[in-house]
């Protein structure tokens, strides 16, 4: 699911249990967050994912919201790059 920036403002006092800052191709980061057990990708008013120029910019965007935990998910496309099938290994997460 996704939630646009205007909709998110209505949740200023709701606690975000987990903010995941996901590294995307080209040095950009996207924000995925969980409210009341439901996961959302932060989008603009046109339903396009909001892309941040750095992990700290994404974290700073959420400064006015109560966040329990923040993690950065770095890129891990090495298996895809060499044509290996997806493995069941756990995604690397870096607490921030």
PDB file of N, CA and C in Angstrom:
ATOM      1  N   UNK A   1       0.837  -1.182   0.000  1.00  0.00           N
ATOM      2  CA  UNK A   1       0.000   0.000   0.000  1.00  0.00           C
ATOM      3  C   UNK A   1       0.877   1.238   0.000  1.00  0.00           C
ATOM      4  N   UNK A   2       0.269   2.361  -0.285  1.00  0.00           N
ATOM      5  CA  UNK A   2       1.007   3.614  -0.271  1.00  0.00           C
ATOM      6  C   UNK A   2       0.188   4.689   0.435  1.00  0.00           C
ATOM      7  N   UNK A   3       0.883   5.712   0.901  1.00  0.00           N
ATOM      8  CA  UNK A   3       0.236   6.845   1.557  1.00  0.00           C
ATOM      9  C   UNK A   3       0.953   8.095   1.077  1.00  0.00           C
ATOM     10  N   UNK A   4       0.178   9.078   0.613  1.00  0.00           N
ATOM     11  CA  UNK A   4       0.832  10.285   0.131  1.00  0.00           C
ATOM     12  C   UNK A   4       1.168  11.228   1.291  1.00  0.00           C
ATOM     13  N   UNK A   5       2.002  12.195   0.988  1.00  0.00           N
ATOM     14  CA  UNK A   5       2.519  13.101   2.018  1.00  0.00           C
ATOM     15  C   UNK A   5       1.409  13.865   2.726  1.00  0.00           C
ATOM     16  N   UNK A   6       0.354  14.219   2.019  1.00  0.00           N
ATOM     17  CA  UNK A   6      -0.763  14.927   2.645  1.00  0.00           C
ATOM     18  C   UNK A   6      -1.523  14.043   3.618  1.00  0.00           C
ATOM     19  N   UNK A   7      -1.726  12.808   3.229  1.00  0.00           N
ATOM     20  CA  UNK A   7      -2.408  11.844   4.094  1.00  0.00           C
ATOM     21  C   UNK A   7      -1.591  11.574   5.360  1.00  0.00           C
ATOM     22  N   UNK A   8      -0.274  11.487   5.185  1.00  0.00           N
ATOM     23  CA  UNK A   8       0.598  11.205   6.322  1.00  0.00           C
ATOM     24  C   UNK A   8       0.484  12.285   7.394  1.00  0.00           C
ATOM     25  N   UNK A   9       0.267  13.521   6.974  1.00  0.00           N
ATOM     26  CA  UNK A   9       0.141  14.629   7.946  1.00  0.00           C
ATOM     27  C   UNK A   9      -1.003  14.402   8.934  1.00  0.00           C
ATOM     28  N   UNK A  10      -2.010  13.646   8.527  1.00  0.00           N
ATOM     29  CA  UNK A  10      -3.134  13.344   9.421  1.00  0.00           C
ATOM     30  C   UNK A  10      -2.749  12.345  10.516  1.00  0.00           C
ATOM     31  N   UNK A  11      -1.546  11.787  10.432  1.00  0.00           N
ATOM     32  CA  UNK A  11      -1.077  10.790  11.401  1.00  0.00           C
ATOM     33  C   UNK A  11       0.072  11.325  12.249  1.00  0.00           C
ATOM     34  N   UNK A  12       0.137  12.640  12.427  1.00  0.00           N
ATOM     35  CA  UNK A  12       1.237  13.270  13.189  1.00  0.00           C
ATOM     36  C   UNK A  12       1.409  12.698  14.588  1.00  0.00           C
ATOM     37  N   UNK A  13       0.332  12.240  15.190  1.00  0.00           N
ATOM     38  CA  UNK A  13       0.407  11.767  16.574  1.00  0.00           C
ATOM     39  C   UNK A  13       0.369  10.242  16.681  1.00  0.00           C
ATOM     40  N   UNK A  14       0.263   9.567  15.539  1.00  0.00           N
ATOM     41  CA  UNK A  14       0.275   8.105  15.549  1.00  0.00           C
ATOM     42  C   UNK A  14       1.725   7.626  15.482  1.00  0.00           C
ATOM     43  N   UNK A  15       2.028   6.587  16.228  1.00  0.00           N
ATOM     44  CA  UNK A  15       3.393   6.073  16.267  1.00  0.00           C
ATOM     45  C   UNK A  15       3.666   5.174  15.070  1.00  0.00           C
ATOM     46  N   UNK A  16       4.769   5.473  14.399  1.00  0.00           N
ATOM     47  CA  UNK A  16       5.264   4.631  13.318  1.00  0.00           C
ATOM     48  C   UNK A  16       6.128   3.568  13.982  1.00  0.00           C
ATOM     49  N   UNK A  17       5.714   2.314  13.879  1.00  0.00           N
ATOM     50  CA  UNK A  17       6.449   1.259  14.575  1.00  0.00           C
ATOM     51  C   UNK A  17       7.800   0.990  13.926  1.00  0.00           C
ATOM     52  N   UNK A  18       7.874   1.100  12.608  1.00  0.00           N
ATOM     53  CA  UNK A  18       9.126   0.860  11.896  1.00  0.00           C
ATOM     54  C   UNK A  18       9.179   1.750  10.667  1.00  0.00           C
ATOM     55  N   UNK A  19      10.279   2.472  10.526  1.00  0.00           N
ATOM     56  CA  UNK A  19      10.566   3.252   9.320  1.00  0.00           C
ATOM     57  C   UNK A  19      11.718   2.552   8.624  1.00  0.00           C
ATOM     58  N   UNK A  20      11.466   2.082   7.409  1.00  0.00           N
ATOM     59  CA  UNK A  20      12.511   1.441   6.618  1.00  0.00           C
ATOM     60  C   UNK A  20      12.922   2.407   5.517  1.00  0.00           C
ATOM     61  N   UNK A  21      14.202   2.736   5.481  1.00  0.00           N
ATOM     62  CA  UNK A  21      14.747   3.600   4.444  1.00  0.00           C
ATOM     63  C   UNK A  21      15.439   2.670   3.451  1.00  0.00           C
ATOM     64  N   UNK A  22      14.818   2.515   2.299  1.00  0.00           N
ATOM     65  CA  UNK A  22      15.242   1.517   1.326  1.00  0.00           C
ATOM     66  C   UNK A  22      16.109   2.175   0.256  1.00  0.00           C
ATOM     67  N   UNK A  23      17.335   1.675   0.121  1.00  0.00           N
ATOM     68  CA  UNK A  23      18.246   2.187  -0.894  1.00  0.00           C
ATOM     69  C   UNK A  23      17.787   1.708  -2.268  1.00  0.00           C
ATOM     70  N   UNK A  24      17.662   2.655  -3.173  1.00  0.00           N
ATOM     71  CA  UNK A  24      17.235   2.338  -4.534  1.00  0.00           C
ATOM     72  C   UNK A  24      18.404   2.576  -5.485  1.00  0.00           C
ATOM     73  N   UNK A  25      18.237   2.167  -6.691  1.00  0.00           N
ATOM     74  CA  UNK A  25      19.255   2.375  -7.701  1.00  0.00           C
ATOM     75  C   UNK A  25      19.484   3.869  -7.927  1.00  0.00           C
ATOM     76  N   UNK A  26      20.714   4.255  -8.152  1.00  0.00           N
ATOM     77  CA  UNK A  26      21.017   5.645  -8.473  1.00  0.00           C
ATOM     78  C   UNK A  26      21.151   6.566  -7.288  1.00  0.00           C
ATOM     79  N   UNK A  27      21.530   6.044  -6.122  1.00  0.00           N
ATOM     80  CA  UNK A  27      21.776   6.843  -4.921  1.00  0.00           C
ATOM     81  C   UNK A  27      20.524   7.506  -4.354  1.00  0.00           C
ATOM     82  N   UNK A  28      19.378   6.951  -4.592  1.00  0.00           N
ATOM     83  CA  UNK A  28      18.154   7.484  -4.025  1.00  0.00           C
ATOM     84  C   UNK A  28      17.597   6.521  -2.992  1.00  0.00           C
ATOM     85  N   UNK A  29      16.781   7.067  -2.092  1.00  0.00           N
ATOM     86  CA  UNK A  29      16.191   6.274  -1.013  1.00  0.00           C
ATOM     87  C   UNK A  29      14.693   6.503  -0.986  1.00  0.00           C
ATOM     88  N   UNK A  30      13.978   5.454  -0.664  1.00  0.00           N
ATOM     89  CA  UNK A  30      12.531   5.527  -0.544  1.00  0.00           C
ATOM     90  C   UNK A  30      12.167   5.163   0.896  1.00  0.00           C
ATOM     91  N   UNK A  31      11.057   5.688   1.375  1.00  0.00           N
ATOM     92  CA  UNK A  31      10.623   5.430   2.750  1.00  0.00           C
ATOM     93  C   UNK A  31       9.439   4.462   2.748  1.00  0.00           C
ATOM     94  N   UNK A  32       9.603   3.401   3.535  1.00  0.00           N
ATOM     95  CA  UNK A  32       8.507   2.456   3.780  1.00  0.00           C
ATOM     96  C   UNK A  32       8.283   2.483   5.284  1.00  0.00           C
ATOM     97  N   UNK A  33       7.042   2.602   5.704  1.00  0.00           N
ATOM     98  CA  UNK A  33       6.767   2.730   7.136  1.00  0.00           C
ATOM     99  C   UNK A  33       5.534   1.931   7.503  1.00  0.00           C
ATOM    100  N   UNK A  34       5.431   1.640   8.808  1.00  0.00           N
ATOM    101  CA  UNK A  34       4.356   0.788   9.317  1.00  0.00           C
ATOM    102  C   UNK A  34       3.570   1.543  10.385  1.00  0.00           C
ATOM    103  N   UNK A  35       2.275   1.684  10.133  1.00  0.00           N
ATOM    104  CA  UNK A  35       1.332   2.317  11.059  1.00  0.00           C
ATOM    105  C   UNK A  35       0.256   1.297  11.386  1.00  0.00           C
ATOM    106  N   UNK A  36       0.053   1.041  12.667  1.00  0.00           N
ATOM    107  CA  UNK A  36      -0.999   0.127  13.116  1.00  0.00           C
ATOM    108  C   UNK A  36      -0.929  -1.216  12.392  1.00  0.00           C
ATOM    109  N   UNK A  37       0.286  -1.733  12.191  1.00  0.00           N
ATOM    110  CA  UNK A  37       0.482  -3.034  11.584  1.00  0.00           C
ATOM    111  C   UNK A  37       0.392  -3.071  10.066  1.00  0.00           C
ATOM    112  N   UNK A  38       0.119  -1.951   9.444  1.00  0.00           N
ATOM    113  CA  UNK A  38      -0.024  -1.886   7.983  1.00  0.00           C
ATOM    114  C   UNK A  38       1.182  -1.172   7.384  1.00  0.00           C
ATOM    115  N   UNK A  39       1.761  -1.732   6.322  1.00  0.00           N
ATOM    116  CA  UNK A  39       2.927  -1.135   5.677  1.00  0.00           C
ATOM    117  C   UNK A  39       2.538  -0.202   4.545  1.00  0.00           C
ATOM    118  N   UNK A  40       3.278   0.897   4.418  1.00  0.00           N
ATOM    119  CA  UNK A  40       3.020   1.902   3.391  1.00  0.00           C
ATOM    120  C   UNK A  40       4.330   2.372   2.769  1.00  0.00           C
ATOM    121  N   UNK A  41       4.274   2.746   1.508  1.00  0.00           N
ATOM    122  CA  UNK A  41       5.360   3.457   0.843  1.00  0.00           C
ATOM    123  C   UNK A  41       4.925   4.905   0.758  1.00  0.00           C
ATOM    124  N   UNK A  42       5.826   5.831   1.102  1.00  0.00           N
ATOM    125  CA  UNK A  42       5.502   7.254   1.041  1.00  0.00           C
ATOM    126  C   UNK A  42       5.494   7.704  -0.413  1.00  0.00           C
ATOM    127  N   UNK A  43       4.370   8.301  -0.843  1.00  0.00           N
ATOM    128  CA  UNK A  43       4.239   8.775  -2.220  1.00  0.00           C
ATOM    129  C   UNK A  43       3.925  10.265  -2.242  1.00  0.00           C
ATOM    130  N   UNK A  44       4.060  10.857  -3.432  1.00  0.00           N
ATOM    131  CA  UNK A  44       3.665  12.250  -3.618  1.00  0.00           C
ATOM    132  C   UNK A  44       2.173  12.274  -3.975  1.00  0.00           C
ATOM    133  N   UNK A  45       1.596  13.452  -4.164  1.00  0.00           N
ATOM    134  CA  UNK A  45       0.159  13.514  -4.487  1.00  0.00           C
ATOM    135  C   UNK A  45      -0.218  12.813  -5.796  1.00  0.00           C
ATOM    136  N   UNK A  46       0.775  12.472  -6.633  1.00  0.00           N
ATOM    137  CA  UNK A  46       0.515  11.812  -7.907  1.00  0.00           C
ATOM    138  C   UNK A  46       0.792  10.302  -7.840  1.00  0.00           C
ATOM    139  N   UNK A  47       0.894   9.774  -6.614  1.00  0.00           N
ATOM    140  CA  UNK A  47       1.127   8.347  -6.351  1.00  0.00           C
ATOM    141  C   UNK A  47       2.482   7.835  -6.850  1.00  0.00           C
ATOM    142  N   UNK A  48       3.442   8.712  -6.961  1.00  0.00           N
ATOM    143  CA  UNK A  48       4.816   8.321  -7.296  1.00  0.00           C
ATOM    144  C   UNK A  48       5.598   8.265  -5.989  1.00  0.00           C
ATOM    145  N   UNK A  49       6.420   7.240  -5.789  1.00  0.00           N
ATOM    146  CA  UNK A  49       7.209   7.168  -4.550  1.00  0.00           C
ATOM    147  C   UNK A  49       8.079   8.410  -4.374  1.00  0.00           C
ATOM    148  N   UNK A  50       8.104   8.931  -3.159  1.00  0.00           N
ATOM    149  CA  UNK A  50       8.980  10.061  -2.840  1.00  0.00           C
ATOM    150  C   UNK A  50      10.394   9.515  -2.752  1.00  0.00           C
ATOM    151  N   UNK A  51      11.303  10.108  -3.512  1.00  0.00           N
ATOM    152  CA  UNK A  51      12.695   9.675  -3.516  1.00  0.00           C
ATOM    153  C   UNK A  51      13.541  10.726  -2.796  1.00  0.00           C
ATOM    154  N   UNK A  52      14.330  10.268  -1.843  1.00  0.00           N
ATOM    155  CA  UNK A  52      15.206  11.140  -1.070  1.00  0.00           C
ATOM    156  C   UNK A  52      16.633  10.988  -1.568  1.00  0.00           C
ATOM    157  N   UNK A  53      17.422  12.056  -1.451  1.00  0.00           N
ATOM    158  CA  UNK A  53      18.801  12.020  -1.957  1.00  0.00           C
ATOM    159  C   UNK A  53      19.774  11.349  -0.996  1.00  0.00           C
ATOM    160  N   UNK A  54      19.318  10.998   0.185  1.00  0.00           N
ATOM    161  CA  UNK A  54      20.164  10.302   1.145  1.00  0.00           C
ATOM    162  C   UNK A  54      19.322   9.723   2.259  1.00  0.00           C
ATOM    163  N   UNK A  55      19.901   8.760   2.991  1.00  0.00           N
ATOM    164  CA  UNK A  55      19.181   8.139   4.102  1.00  0.00           C
ATOM    165  C   UNK A  55      18.856   9.173   5.176  1.00  0.00           C
ATOM    166  N   UNK A  56      19.764  10.103   5.410  1.00  0.00           N
ATOM    167  CA  UNK A  56      19.518  11.110   6.446  1.00  0.00           C
ATOM    168  C   UNK A  56      18.385  12.052   6.032  1.00  0.00           C
ATOM    169  N   UNK A  57      18.248  12.342   4.742  1.00  0.00           N
ATOM    170  CA  UNK A  57      17.141  13.189   4.275  1.00  0.00           C
ATOM    171  C   UNK A  57      15.803  12.497   4.512  1.00  0.00           C
ATOM    172  N   UNK A  58      15.752  11.192   4.298  1.00  0.00           N
ATOM    173  CA  UNK A  58      14.520  10.435   4.545  1.00  0.00           C
ATOM    174  C   UNK A  58      14.198  10.431   6.037  1.00  0.00           C
ATOM    175  N   UNK A  59      15.212  10.191   6.855  1.00  0.00           N
ATOM    176  CA  UNK A  59      14.998  10.189   8.312  1.00  0.00           C
ATOM    177  C   UNK A  59      14.548  11.572   8.785  1.00  0.00           C
ATOM    178  N   UNK A  60      15.176  12.620   8.262  1.00  0.00           N
ATOM    179  CA  UNK A  60      14.809  13.987   8.649  1.00  0.00           C
ATOM    180  C   UNK A  60      13.364  14.319   8.300  1.00  0.00           C
ATOM    181  N   UNK A  61      12.864  13.772   7.201  1.00  0.00           N
ATOM    182  CA  UNK A  61      11.481  14.022   6.801  1.00  0.00           C
ATOM    183  C   UNK A  61      10.511  13.555   7.886  1.00  0.00           C
ATOM    184  N   UNK A  62      10.871  12.497   8.594  1.00  0.00           N
ATOM    185  CA  UNK A  62       9.999  11.914   9.615  1.00  0.00           C
ATOM    186  C   UNK A  62      10.300  12.440  11.020  1.00  0.00           C
ATOM    187  N   UNK A  63      11.102  13.499  11.145  1.00  0.00           N
ATOM    188  CA  UNK A  63      11.454  14.050  12.464  1.00  0.00           C
ATOM    189  C   UNK A  63      10.248  14.456  13.303  1.00  0.00           C
ATOM    190  N   UNK A  64       9.187  14.925  12.681  1.00  0.00           N
ATOM    191  CA  UNK A  64       8.009  15.387  13.421  1.00  0.00           C
ATOM    192  C   UNK A  64       7.031  14.273  13.781  1.00  0.00           C
ATOM    193  N   UNK A  65       7.397  13.038  13.454  1.00  0.00           N
ATOM    194  CA  UNK A  65       6.528  11.896  13.726  1.00  0.00           C
ATOM    195  C   UNK A  65       7.180  10.991  14.768  1.00  0.00           C
ATOM    196  N   UNK A  66       6.391  10.414  15.662  1.00  0.00           N
ATOM    197  CA  UNK A  66       6.976   9.450  16.605  1.00  0.00           C
ATOM    198  C   UNK A  66       7.307   8.143  15.883  1.00  0.00           C
ATOM    199  N   UNK A  67       8.591   7.782  15.903  1.00  0.00           N
ATOM    200  CA  UNK A  67       9.064   6.568  15.232  1.00  0.00           C
ATOM    201  C   UNK A  67       9.764   5.693  16.259  1.00  0.00           C
ATOM    202  N   UNK A  68       9.302   4.450  16.404  1.00  0.00           N
ATOM    203  CA  UNK A  68       9.920   3.520  17.358  1.00  0.00           C
ATOM    204  C   UNK A  68      11.288   3.043  16.892  1.00  0.00           C
ATOM    205  N   UNK A  69      11.389   2.675  15.621  1.00  0.00           N
ATOM    206  CA  UNK A  69      12.632   2.082  15.117  1.00  0.00           C
ATOM    207  C   UNK A  69      12.842   2.489  13.661  1.00  0.00           C
ATOM    208  N   UNK A  70      14.098   2.781  13.305  1.00  0.00           N
ATOM    209  CA  UNK A  70      14.449   3.130  11.930  1.00  0.00           C
ATOM    210  C   UNK A  70      15.565   2.218  11.459  1.00  0.00           C
ATOM    211  N   UNK A  71      15.410   1.680  10.250  1.00  0.00           N
ATOM    212  CA  UNK A  71      16.428   0.804   9.666  1.00  0.00           C
ATOM    213  C   UNK A  71      16.677   1.201   8.216  1.00  0.00           C
ATOM    214  N   UNK A  72      17.936   1.104   7.802  1.00  0.00           N
ATOM    215  CA  UNK A  72      18.303   1.322   6.409  1.00  0.00           C
ATOM    216  C   UNK A  72      18.465  -0.054   5.773  1.00  0.00           C
ATOM    217  N   UNK A  73      17.884  -0.228   4.604  1.00  0.00           N
ATOM    218  CA  UNK A  73      18.014  -1.472   3.863  1.00  0.00           C
ATOM    219  C   UNK A  73      18.870  -1.167   2.632  1.00  0.00           C
ATOM    220  N   UNK A  74      20.153  -1.588   2.678  1.00  0.00           N
ATOM    221  CA  UNK A  74      21.055  -1.292   1.563  1.00  0.00           C
ATOM    222  C   UNK A  74      20.747  -2.176   0.356  1.00  0.00           C
ATOM    223  N   UNK A  75      21.261  -1.788  -0.822  1.00  0.00           N
ATOM    224  CA  UNK A  75      21.018  -2.614  -2.009  1.00  0.00           C
ATOM    225  C   UNK A  75      21.706  -3.961  -1.883  1.00  0.00           C
ATOM    226  N   UNK A  76      21.089  -4.985  -2.421  1.00  0.00           N
ATOM    227  CA  UNK A  76      21.665  -6.332  -2.387  1.00  0.00           C
ATOM    228  C   UNK A  76      21.341  -7.037  -3.695  1.00  0.00           C
ATOM    229  N   UNK A  77      21.742  -6.437  -4.801  1.00  0.00           N
ATOM    230  CA  UNK A  77      21.415  -6.990  -6.104  1.00  0.00           C
ATOM    231  C   UNK A  77      22.479  -7.876  -6.689  1.00  0.00           C
ATOM    232  N   UNK A  78      23.423  -8.345  -5.888  1.00  0.00           N
ATOM    233  CA  UNK A  78      24.518  -9.134  -6.444  1.00  0.00           C
ATOM    234  C   UNK A  78      24.042 -10.438  -7.046  1.00  0.00           C
ATOM    235  N   UNK A  79      23.095 -11.125  -6.434  1.00  0.00           N
ATOM    236  CA  UNK A  79      22.602 -12.383  -7.003  1.00  0.00           C
ATOM    237  C   UNK A  79      21.943 -12.144  -8.360  1.00  0.00           C
ATOM    238  N   UNK A  80      21.151 -11.079  -8.453  1.00  0.00           N
ATOM    239  CA  UNK A  80      20.494 -10.771  -9.716  1.00  0.00           C
ATOM    240  C   UNK A  80      21.523 -10.417 -10.782  1.00  0.00           C
ATOM    241  N   UNK A  81      22.578  -9.718 -10.393  1.00  0.00           N
ATOM    242  CA  UNK A  81      23.570  -9.261 -11.353  1.00  0.00           C
ATOM    243  C   UNK A  81      24.305 -10.425 -11.993  1.00  0.00           C
ATOM    244  N   UNK A  82      24.487 -11.505 -11.280  1.00  0.00           N
ATOM    245  CA  UNK A  82      25.225 -12.624 -11.849  1.00  0.00           C
ATOM    246  C   UNK A  82      24.303 -13.759 -12.284  1.00  0.00           C
ATOM    247  N   UNK A  83      22.992 -13.492 -12.297  1.00  0.00           N
ATOM    248  CA  UNK A  83      22.042 -14.467 -12.801  1.00  0.00           C
ATOM    249  C   UNK A  83      21.698 -15.595 -11.859  1.00  0.00           C
ATOM    250  N   UNK A  84      21.979 -15.420 -10.584  1.00  0.00           N
ATOM    251  CA  UNK A  84      21.652 -16.463  -9.610  1.00  0.00           C
ATOM    252  C   UNK A  84      20.181 -16.342  -9.228  1.00  0.00           C
ATOM    253  N   UNK A  85      19.543 -17.456  -8.895  1.00  0.00           N
ATOM    254  CA  UNK A  85      18.145 -17.374  -8.440  1.00  0.00           C
ATOM    255  C   UNK A  85      18.068 -16.704  -7.072  1.00  0.00           C
ATOM    256  N   UNK A  86      16.895 -16.156  -6.776  1.00  0.00           N
ATOM    257  CA  UNK A  86      16.690 -15.555  -5.450  1.00  0.00           C
ATOM    258  C   UNK A  86      16.948 -16.597  -4.377  1.00  0.00           C
ATOM    259  N   UNK A  87      17.615 -16.160  -3.322  1.00  0.00           N
ATOM    260  CA  UNK A  87      17.860 -17.069  -2.207  1.00  0.00           C
ATOM    261  C   UNK A  87      16.924 -16.703  -1.063  1.00  0.00           C
ATOM    262  N   UNK A  88      16.865 -17.542  -0.079  1.00  0.00           N
ATOM    263  CA  UNK A  88      15.987 -17.284   1.062  1.00  0.00           C
ATOM    264  C   UNK A  88      16.740 -16.562   2.177  1.00  0.00           C
ATOM    265  N   UNK A  89      17.900 -15.983   1.854  1.00  0.00           N
ATOM    266  CA  UNK A  89      18.678 -15.299   2.884  1.00  0.00           C
ATOM    267  C   UNK A  89      17.960 -14.052   3.360  1.00  0.00           C
ATOM    268  N   UNK A  90      18.218 -13.669   4.584  1.00  0.00           N
ATOM    269  CA  UNK A  90      17.593 -12.511   5.214  1.00  0.00           C
ATOM    270  C   UNK A  90      18.162 -11.217   4.631  1.00  0.00           C
ATOM    271  N   UNK A  91      17.311 -10.224   4.421  1.00  0.00           N
ATOM    272  CA  UNK A  91      17.728  -8.920   3.940  1.00  0.00           C
ATOM    273  C   UNK A  91      18.554  -8.228   5.012  1.00  0.00           C
ATOM    274  N   UNK A  92      19.662  -7.608   4.605  1.00  0.00           N
ATOM    275  CA  UNK A  92      20.483  -6.870   5.555  1.00  0.00           C
ATOM    276  C   UNK A  92      19.747  -5.609   5.987  1.00  0.00           C
ATOM    277  N   UNK A  93      19.760  -5.339   7.284  1.00  0.00           N
ATOM    278  CA  UNK A  93      19.125  -4.145   7.852  1.00  0.00           C
ATOM    279  C   UNK A  93      20.122  -3.480   8.783  1.00  0.00           C
ATOM    280  N   UNK A  94      20.262  -2.172   8.625  1.00  0.00           N
ATOM    281  CA  UNK A  94      21.193  -1.411   9.445  1.00  0.00           C
ATOM    282  C   UNK A  94      20.386  -0.441  10.302  1.00  0.00           C
ATOM    283  N   UNK A  95      20.435  -0.590  11.640  1.00  0.00           N
ATOM    284  CA  UNK A  95      19.701   0.349  12.500  1.00  0.00           C
ATOM    285  C   UNK A  95      20.252   1.767  12.321  1.00  0.00           C
ATOM    286  N   UNK A  96      19.366   2.730  12.339  1.00  0.00           N
ATOM    287  CA  UNK A  96      19.780   4.131  12.183  1.00  0.00           C
ATOM    288  C   UNK A  96      19.240   4.951  13.331  1.00  0.00           C
TER     289      UNK A  96
END
